[in-house]
Protein backbone atom coordinates (compact mmCIF):
# COMPACT_ATOMS: atom_id res chain seq x y z
CA UNK A 1 -0.06 -8.40 -11.26
CA UNK A 2 0.91 -8.49 -15.12
CA UNK A 3 2.57 -5.57 -16.51
CA UNK A 4 0.41 -3.45 -18.78
CA UNK A 5 1.37 -3.28 -22.40
CA UNK A 6 3.79 -0.25 -23.55
CA UNK A 7 1.21 0.46 -26.21
CA UNK A 8 -1.51 1.10 -23.49
CA UNK A 9 0.97 3.26 -21.35
CA UNK A 10 1.72 5.28 -24.86
CA UNK A 11 -1.96 5.83 -25.47
CA UNK A 12 -2.90 6.54 -21.77
CA UNK A 13 -0.01 9.27 -21.83
CA UNK A 14 -1.63 10.93 -24.91
CA UNK A 15 -4.82 11.01 -23.20
CA UNK A 16 -6.56 8.03 -24.87
CA UNK A 17 -9.89 7.32 -22.56
CA UNK A 18 -9.86 3.41 -23.12
CA UNK A 19 -6.20 3.36 -22.39
CA UNK A 20 -6.58 5.31 -19.00
CA UNK A 21 -9.58 2.92 -18.17
CA UNK A 22 -7.21 -0.19 -18.76
CA UNK A 23 -4.59 1.41 -16.55
CA UNK A 24 -7.25 1.94 -13.90
CA UNK A 25 -8.62 -1.55 -14.28
CA UNK A 26 -5.24 -3.14 -14.17
CA UNK A 27 -4.16 -1.10 -10.83
CA UNK A 28 -7.41 -0.53 -9.05
CA UNK A 29 -7.06 -3.56 -6.82
CA UNK A 30 -3.11 -3.39 -6.16
CA UNK A 31 -3.55 0.51 -5.41
CA UNK A 32 -6.66 -0.05 -2.92
CA UNK A 33 -4.90 -2.96 -1.31
CA UNK A 34 -1.41 -0.95 -0.79
CA UNK A 35 -3.27 2.07 0.51
CA UNK A 36 -5.30 0.43 2.87
CA UNK A 37 -2.39 -1.71 4.24
CA UNK A 38 0.30 0.68 4.42
CA UNK A 39 -1.97 3.48 5.83
CA UNK A 40 -3.98 1.16 7.85
CA UNK A 41 -7.28 2.39 6.66
CA UNK A 42 -10.13 -0.04 6.71
CA UNK A 43 -13.15 2.03 5.73
CA UNK A 44 -13.77 1.22 1.98
CA UNK A 45 -14.90 4.70 1.25
CA UNK A 46 -11.95 6.17 2.77
CA UNK A 47 -9.75 3.81 0.81
CA UNK A 48 -11.33 4.52 -2.38
CA UNK A 49 -11.05 8.46 -1.97
CA UNK A 50 -7.39 8.06 -1.44
CA UNK A 51 -7.16 5.71 -4.35
CA UNK A 52 -8.81 8.39 -6.54
CA UNK A 53 -6.28 10.93 -5.41
CA UNK A 54 -3.55 8.49 -6.27
CA UNK A 55 -4.84 7.92 -9.63
CA UNK A 56 -5.31 11.63 -10.27
CA UNK A 57 -1.39 11.96 -9.33
CA UNK A 58 -0.71 9.06 -11.62
CA UNK A 59 -2.57 10.66 -14.70
CA UNK A 60 -1.22 13.98 -13.98
CA UNK A 61 2.26 12.71 -14.20
CA UNK A 62 1.84 10.00 -16.51
CA UNK A 63 3.54 11.92 -19.39
CA UNK A 64 6.86 11.94 -17.31
CA UNK A 65 7.03 8.26 -17.25
CA UNK A 66 9.96 6.72 -19.40
CA UNK A 67 10.24 2.98 -19.80
CA UNK A 68 13.91 3.20 -20.23
CA UNK A 69 13.87 3.93 -16.63
CA UNK A 70 11.99 0.90 -15.29
CA UNK A 71 8.69 -0.75 -15.72
CA UNK A 72 5.22 0.82 -15.74
CA UNK A 73 4.31 -0.97 -12.50
CA UNK A 74 7.22 0.14 -10.52
CA UNK A 75 6.44 3.57 -11.33
CA UNK A 76 2.97 3.40 -10.32
CA UNK A 77 4.09 1.87 -7.05
CA UNK A 78 6.38 4.62 -6.68
CA UNK A 79 3.45 7.34 -6.93
CA UNK A 80 1.62 5.28 -4.59
CA UNK A 81 4.42 5.21 -1.86
CA UNK A 82 5.05 8.90 -2.44
CA UNK A 83 1.32 9.81 -1.90
CA UNK A 84 1.46 7.38 1.13
CA UNK A 85 4.38 9.04 2.57
CA UNK A 86 2.68 12.56 1.89
CA UNK A 87 -0.46 11.12 4.08
CA UNK A 88 1.66 10.16 6.71
CA UNK A 89 3.45 13.46 7.17
CA UNK A 90 -0.13 15.18 6.98
CA UNK A 91 -1.32 12.88 9.70
CA UNK A 92 1.45 13.75 11.68
CA UNK A 93 0.84 17.44 11.55
CA UNK A 94 -3.04 17.09 12.04
CA UNK A 95 -4.77 16.42 15.47
CA UNK A 96 -3.81 12.97 16.73
CA UNK A 97 -6.29 10.07 16.84
CA UNK A 98 -5.20 6.68 18.22
CA UNK A 99 -5.12 3.88 15.63
CA UNK A 100 -7.43 1.91 17.80
CA UNK A 101 -9.99 4.79 17.53
CA UNK A 102 -9.60 4.89 13.74
CA UNK A 103 -10.12 1.36 13.46
CA UNK A 104 -13.33 1.56 15.50
CA UNK A 105 -14.58 4.57 13.76
CA UNK A 106 -14.17 2.98 10.56
CA UNK A 107 -15.85 -0.21 11.62
CA UNK A 108 -18.72 1.56 13.27
CA UNK A 109 -19.44 3.08 9.87
CA UNK A 110 -19.84 -0.27 8.07
CA UNK A 111 -18.21 -0.89 4.49
CA UNK A 112 -15.07 -2.12 6.10
CA UNK A 113 -12.56 -4.03 4.10
CA UNK A 114 -12.17 -6.80 6.87
CA UNK A 115 -12.92 -10.31 5.04
CA UNK A 116 -13.82 -12.06 8.40
CA UNK A 117 -16.34 -11.16 10.84
CA UNK A 118 -15.46 -13.54 13.73
CA UNK A 119 -13.78 -11.91 16.79
CA UNK A 120 -10.49 -13.76 16.69
CA UNK A 121 -9.89 -12.88 13.08
CA UNK A 122 -10.78 -9.37 13.77
CA UNK A 123 -8.73 -9.21 16.92
CA UNK A 124 -5.70 -10.62 14.76
CA UNK A 125 -6.17 -8.25 12.18
CA UNK A 126 -6.25 -5.37 14.62
CA UNK A 127 -3.10 -6.57 16.23
CA UNK A 128 -1.33 -7.20 12.95
CA UNK A 129 -2.42 -3.27 11.75
CA UNK A 130 -1.16 -2.23 15.11
CA UNK A 131 2.16 -3.82 14.59
CA UNK A 132 2.35 -2.87 11.09
CA UNK A 133 1.95 0.79 12.16
CA UNK A 134 4.96 0.56 14.62
CA UNK A 135 7.28 -0.33 11.81
CA UNK A 136 9.31 2.63 9.99
CA UNK A 137 7.57 3.87 6.77
CA UNK A 138 10.68 2.16 4.75
CA UNK A 139 10.18 -1.10 6.52
CA UNK A 140 6.27 -1.03 6.31
CA UNK A 141 6.40 -0.28 2.55
CA UNK A 142 8.98 -2.78 1.98
CA UNK A 143 6.63 -5.31 3.80
CA UNK A 144 3.55 -4.39 2.19
CA UNK A 145 4.94 -4.68 -1.28
CA UNK A 146 6.55 -8.09 -0.77
CA UNK A 147 4.07 -9.73 1.46
CA UNK A 148 0.84 -8.33 0.21
CA UNK A 149 1.36 -7.19 -3.20
CA UNK A 150 3.81 -10.15 -3.68
CA UNK A 151 6.26 -8.00 -5.72
CA UNK A 152 9.89 -9.04 -6.13
CA UNK A 153 12.98 -7.75 -4.54
CA UNK A 154 14.36 -6.07 -7.71
CA UNK A 155 10.97 -4.32 -8.21
CA UNK A 156 10.65 -3.29 -4.70
CA UNK A 157 14.29 -1.81 -4.94
CA UNK A 158 13.19 0.06 -8.03
CA UNK A 159 10.08 1.38 -6.48
CA UNK A 160 11.84 2.37 -3.24
CA UNK A 161 15.00 3.66 -5.04
CA UNK A 162 17.42 1.48 -2.89
CA UNK A 163 19.62 -1.66 -3.83
CA UNK A 164 17.89 -5.14 -3.45
CA UNK A 165 20.07 -5.75 -0.32
CA UNK A 166 18.53 -2.75 1.37
CA UNK A 167 15.30 -4.17 0.65
CA UNK A 168 15.98 -7.54 2.01
CA UNK A 169 17.57 -6.06 5.21
CA UNK A 170 14.34 -3.85 5.66
CA UNK A 171 12.26 -6.90 5.10
CA UNK A 172 14.11 -8.97 7.77
CA UNK A 173 13.92 -6.32 10.37
CA UNK A 174 10.33 -5.76 9.77
CA UNK A 175 9.60 -9.29 10.07
CA UNK A 176 11.62 -9.60 13.31
CA UNK A 177 9.75 -6.59 14.63
CA UNK A 178 6.27 -7.97 13.56
CA UNK A 179 7.20 -11.48 14.97
CA UNK A 180 8.47 -10.19 18.53
CA UNK A 181 5.28 -7.77 18.77
CA UNK A 182 2.90 -10.79 17.74
CA UNK A 183 4.41 -13.50 19.59
CA UNK A 184 2.36 -13.12 22.74
CA UNK A 185 -0.96 -13.13 20.58
CA UNK A 186 0.57 -16.33 18.51
CA UNK A 187 1.69 -18.11 21.56
CA UNK A 188 -1.67 -17.65 23.45
CA UNK A 189 -3.39 -19.51 20.63
CA UNK A 190 -0.86 -22.48 20.43
């Protein structure tokens, strides 16, 4: 993703509608993708509702963005991260629903985000989603930002508020855990 120009950010901070639309257009795909993967939400409508809430938070606090403290992209991902962590905390206090039930419920309504409809791909996606769900929040966020959003270590460090070495360590632990959890499934396909 390309960094949005500082002029557009300044205009969005002043409430300019065209600049606001430009910010939404630039970040809509990455926000949808990060929310879906981090929270394990597959129903398009639910992901869009969450993304809408994220954008409301972005534009309510955009005046607090200061380019001297980092890139606008890193700031946006920080808002996404904070909102996702907030959602996880709400889920923890809400009545429990097993990840498989959420997955089946979302897919029964249609409009899911799964790109493949064949059973093997759906099964692999389900297993990956379940494995991602077992990672710590910090490992999952680092993994999603690196592997799905293709952000660099420095940018992930800025977003998560830790040093690059910590990001690398979290990624290594996340990958080792995912590899271990998915090994039986991957070996059965070999």
